[in-house]
Structure formats: structure tokens, C-alpha cells
């Protein structure tokens, strides 16, 4: 499945783009690369999730939004990944 995705990386920034050119996710990395502030997007470009990864595991508060109107629909809290 990852074969269909394209990664675009710059120092401290990583984007995931699907084959049709749609932006799927953006992550801003900490200097040591252990924490990534990530936003995920629906096919229509609307943000559908945001939160942190710590060492590749979800950490802190994650927020999830409707892909139709962008309204916050849920939150989840993770401790220490």
C-alpha cells in the first residue's frame, strides 16, 4: 500500500502525497526527530486529524474533524505514546 504514496521531505518537514497529487499528511519534526506534529487531510483537502507522534506512536491530544464541514467530532489523549 505504501508503494502508492510519495514522500516529500525537507529538513524538519515531511509530506505524504497520494498518486493523484492530493496532500494526505504533513508532519513537522523536532530537531532530534523523536516528535512529529502531524496533520492529516481528506481527499477534499479538509483537515481531518491533528496530533503528535512520539517515537512513531500517537502521543498527547489528538483531534479529529469532519471531512464535510471541518467541525471537531472527537478527541483522544495518549500518554507517553
N, C-alpha and C. Protein backbone atom coordinates (compact mmCIF):
# COMPACT_ATOMS: atom_id res chain seq x y z
N UNK A 1 0.82 -1.18 0.00
CA UNK A 1 0.00 0.00 0.00
C UNK A 1 0.87 1.26 0.00
N UNK A 2 1.97 1.26 0.72
CA UNK A 2 2.86 2.42 0.74
C UNK A 2 3.48 2.68 -0.62
N UNK A 3 3.46 1.71 -1.55
CA UNK A 3 4.02 1.92 -2.88
C UNK A 3 3.26 3.00 -3.63
N UNK A 4 2.01 3.24 -3.28
CA UNK A 4 1.19 4.23 -3.97
C UNK A 4 1.36 5.63 -3.41
N UNK A 5 2.16 5.79 -2.36
CA UNK A 5 2.35 7.08 -1.72
C UNK A 5 3.71 7.64 -2.08
N UNK A 6 3.79 8.96 -2.08
CA UNK A 6 5.06 9.63 -2.34
C UNK A 6 5.39 10.49 -1.13
N UNK A 7 6.60 10.35 -0.63
CA UNK A 7 7.07 11.15 0.49
C UNK A 7 7.84 12.34 -0.05
N UNK A 8 7.58 13.52 0.49
CA UNK A 8 8.34 14.72 0.17
C UNK A 8 8.92 15.20 1.48
N UNK A 9 10.24 15.21 1.59
CA UNK A 9 10.87 15.57 2.86
C UNK A 9 11.84 16.73 2.69
N UNK A 10 11.78 17.63 3.64
CA UNK A 10 12.74 18.72 3.79
C UNK A 10 13.21 18.64 5.24
N UNK A 11 14.31 19.27 5.59
CA UNK A 11 14.73 19.23 6.99
C UNK A 11 13.60 19.69 7.93
N UNK A 12 13.18 18.80 8.82
CA UNK A 12 12.14 19.13 9.79
C UNK A 12 10.72 19.04 9.28
N UNK A 13 10.52 18.64 8.02
CA UNK A 13 9.18 18.59 7.44
C UNK A 13 9.04 17.36 6.56
N UNK A 14 7.90 16.69 6.65
CA UNK A 14 7.64 15.52 5.82
C UNK A 14 6.19 15.57 5.35
N UNK A 15 5.97 15.40 4.06
CA UNK A 15 4.63 15.36 3.48
C UNK A 15 4.38 13.99 2.87
N UNK A 16 3.13 13.51 2.92
CA UNK A 16 2.74 12.30 2.22
C UNK A 16 1.71 12.71 1.18
N UNK A 17 1.98 12.36 -0.08
CA UNK A 17 1.12 12.73 -1.19
C UNK A 17 0.69 11.47 -1.91
N UNK A 18 -0.63 11.32 -2.18
CA UNK A 18 -1.12 10.14 -2.88
C UNK A 18 -0.95 10.34 -4.39
N UNK A 19 -1.09 9.27 -5.20
CA UNK A 19 -0.76 9.34 -6.61
C UNK A 19 -1.42 10.47 -7.41
N UNK A 20 -2.63 10.89 -7.05
CA UNK A 20 -3.28 11.95 -7.82
C UNK A 20 -2.77 13.34 -7.44
N UNK A 21 -1.78 13.41 -6.53
CA UNK A 21 -1.20 14.67 -6.14
C UNK A 21 -1.83 15.30 -4.91
N UNK A 22 -2.83 14.63 -4.34
CA UNK A 22 -3.51 15.15 -3.16
C UNK A 22 -2.63 15.00 -1.92
N UNK A 23 -2.56 16.06 -1.14
CA UNK A 23 -1.80 16.01 0.11
C UNK A 23 -2.56 15.16 1.12
N UNK A 24 -1.92 14.16 1.69
CA UNK A 24 -2.54 13.25 2.66
C UNK A 24 -2.16 13.61 4.09
N UNK A 25 -0.90 14.01 4.31
CA UNK A 25 -0.45 14.34 5.67
C UNK A 25 0.78 15.24 5.61
N UNK A 26 0.94 16.04 6.66
CA UNK A 26 2.11 16.89 6.84
C UNK A 26 2.60 16.69 8.26
N UNK A 27 3.89 16.46 8.42
CA UNK A 27 4.48 16.32 9.75
C UNK A 27 5.65 17.28 9.89
N UNK A 28 5.68 17.99 11.01
CA UNK A 28 6.81 18.85 11.35
C UNK A 28 7.57 18.14 12.45
N UNK A 29 8.84 17.87 12.20
CA UNK A 29 9.64 17.05 13.10
C UNK A 29 10.45 17.90 14.06
N UNK A 30 10.62 17.41 15.29
CA UNK A 30 11.50 18.06 16.26
C UNK A 30 12.95 17.92 15.77
N UNK A 31 13.84 18.70 16.36
CA UNK A 31 15.24 18.66 15.94
C UNK A 31 15.85 17.27 16.05
N UNK A 32 15.48 16.53 17.10
CA UNK A 32 16.03 15.18 17.26
C UNK A 32 15.23 14.12 16.51
N UNK A 33 14.14 14.50 15.87
CA UNK A 33 13.34 13.58 15.07
C UNK A 33 12.44 12.65 15.87
N UNK A 34 12.36 12.84 17.18
CA UNK A 34 11.56 11.93 18.01
C UNK A 34 10.10 12.34 18.10
N UNK A 35 9.80 13.61 17.85
CA UNK A 35 8.42 14.10 17.94
C UNK A 35 8.02 14.68 16.59
N UNK A 36 6.83 14.32 16.15
CA UNK A 36 6.30 14.84 14.89
C UNK A 36 4.91 15.40 15.12
N UNK A 37 4.72 16.68 14.86
CA UNK A 37 3.40 17.32 14.90
C UNK A 37 2.78 17.07 13.54
N UNK A 38 1.67 16.32 13.52
CA UNK A 38 1.12 15.82 12.26
C UNK A 38 -0.31 16.30 12.04
N UNK A 39 -0.60 16.63 10.78
CA UNK A 39 -1.95 16.92 10.34
C UNK A 39 -2.27 15.99 9.17
N UNK A 40 -3.48 15.39 9.19
CA UNK A 40 -3.93 14.52 8.10
C UNK A 40 -5.10 15.19 7.39
N UNK A 41 -5.21 14.92 6.08
CA UNK A 41 -6.20 15.59 5.26
C UNK A 41 -7.04 14.59 4.47
N UNK A 42 -8.32 14.94 4.26
CA UNK A 42 -9.22 14.15 3.42
C UNK A 42 -8.92 14.46 1.96
N UNK A 43 -9.52 13.70 1.07
CA UNK A 43 -9.33 13.91 -0.37
C UNK A 43 -9.78 15.28 -0.84
N UNK A 44 -10.70 15.90 -0.11
CA UNK A 44 -11.18 17.23 -0.48
C UNK A 44 -10.29 18.35 0.06
N UNK A 45 -9.19 17.97 0.74
CA UNK A 45 -8.24 18.95 1.26
C UNK A 45 -8.53 19.43 2.67
N UNK A 46 -9.65 19.03 3.23
CA UNK A 46 -10.03 19.46 4.57
C UNK A 46 -9.24 18.67 5.62
N UNK A 47 -8.76 19.37 6.66
CA UNK A 47 -8.03 18.70 7.74
C UNK A 47 -8.98 17.78 8.49
N UNK A 48 -8.56 16.52 8.71
CA UNK A 48 -9.41 15.56 9.41
C UNK A 48 -8.81 15.07 10.72
N UNK A 49 -7.53 15.34 10.95
CA UNK A 49 -6.91 14.92 12.22
C UNK A 49 -5.66 15.74 12.45
N UNK A 50 -5.33 15.92 13.76
CA UNK A 50 -4.07 16.55 14.11
C UNK A 50 -3.64 16.08 15.49
N UNK A 51 -2.34 15.92 15.63
CA UNK A 51 -1.79 15.49 16.91
C UNK A 51 -0.30 15.23 16.80
N UNK A 52 0.27 14.72 17.87
CA UNK A 52 1.70 14.45 17.92
C UNK A 52 1.99 12.95 17.88
N UNK A 53 3.10 12.63 17.26
CA UNK A 53 3.70 11.29 17.38
C UNK A 53 4.97 11.46 18.20
N UNK A 54 5.20 10.56 19.12
CA UNK A 54 6.46 10.50 19.87
C UNK A 54 7.05 9.13 19.60
N UNK A 55 8.21 9.12 18.95
CA UNK A 55 8.87 7.87 18.56
C UNK A 55 7.90 6.95 17.83
N UNK A 56 7.18 7.51 16.85
CA UNK A 56 6.28 6.81 15.93
C UNK A 56 5.01 6.27 16.57
N UNK A 57 4.67 6.72 17.78
CA UNK A 57 3.42 6.33 18.44
C UNK A 57 2.63 7.59 18.75
N UNK A 58 1.30 7.52 18.66
CA UNK A 58 0.48 8.67 18.98
C UNK A 58 0.73 9.10 20.42
N UNK A 59 0.80 10.43 20.63
CA UNK A 59 1.08 10.98 21.94
C UNK A 59 0.29 12.27 22.12
N UNK A 60 -0.04 12.60 23.33
CA UNK A 60 -0.78 13.81 23.73
C UNK A 60 -2.20 13.79 23.15
N UNK A 61 -2.77 14.95 22.92
CA UNK A 61 -4.16 15.02 22.46
C UNK A 61 -4.24 15.00 20.94
N UNK A 62 -5.05 14.11 20.43
CA UNK A 62 -5.36 14.04 19.00
C UNK A 62 -6.78 14.54 18.80
N UNK A 63 -6.96 15.38 17.80
CA UNK A 63 -8.28 15.91 17.46
C UNK A 63 -8.67 15.40 16.08
N UNK A 64 -9.96 15.03 15.96
CA UNK A 64 -10.50 14.50 14.70
C UNK A 64 -11.66 15.38 14.25
N UNK A 65 -11.65 15.71 12.96
CA UNK A 65 -12.62 16.65 12.39
C UNK A 65 -13.42 16.00 11.28
N UNK A 66 -14.63 16.50 11.06
CA UNK A 66 -15.47 16.05 9.96
C UNK A 66 -14.84 16.47 8.63
N UNK A 67 -14.82 15.55 7.67
CA UNK A 67 -14.30 15.91 6.36
C UNK A 67 -15.33 16.70 5.54
N UNK A 68 -16.55 16.79 6.05
CA UNK A 68 -17.60 17.54 5.34
C UNK A 68 -17.61 19.02 5.70
N UNK A 69 -17.50 19.32 7.00
CA UNK A 69 -17.61 20.72 7.42
C UNK A 69 -16.50 21.19 8.34
N UNK A 70 -15.55 20.32 8.68
CA UNK A 70 -14.41 20.69 9.50
C UNK A 70 -14.69 20.82 10.98
N UNK A 71 -15.88 20.44 11.40
CA UNK A 71 -16.24 20.53 12.82
C UNK A 71 -15.52 19.44 13.62
N UNK A 72 -15.03 19.81 14.79
CA UNK A 72 -14.38 18.84 15.69
C UNK A 72 -15.40 17.79 16.10
N UNK A 73 -15.06 16.51 15.87
CA UNK A 73 -16.00 15.44 16.21
C UNK A 73 -15.53 14.57 17.37
N UNK A 74 -14.22 14.54 17.64
CA UNK A 74 -13.75 13.78 18.80
C UNK A 74 -12.32 14.15 19.14
N UNK A 75 -11.94 13.80 20.37
CA UNK A 75 -10.57 13.96 20.84
C UNK A 75 -10.16 12.70 21.58
N UNK A 76 -8.90 12.35 21.46
CA UNK A 76 -8.32 11.22 22.18
C UNK A 76 -7.02 11.70 22.82
N UNK A 77 -6.74 11.20 24.01
CA UNK A 77 -5.50 11.58 24.70
C UNK A 77 -4.65 10.33 24.91
N UNK A 78 -3.39 10.46 24.53
CA UNK A 78 -2.41 9.38 24.68
C UNK A 78 -1.31 9.87 25.60
N UNK A 79 -0.84 9.02 26.49
CA UNK A 79 0.23 9.35 27.39
C UNK A 79 1.48 8.53 27.06
N UNK A 80 2.58 9.20 26.85
CA UNK A 80 3.87 8.54 26.57
C UNK A 80 3.78 7.55 25.43
N UNK A 81 3.10 7.93 24.37
CA UNK A 81 2.98 7.06 23.21
C UNK A 81 2.09 5.95 23.52
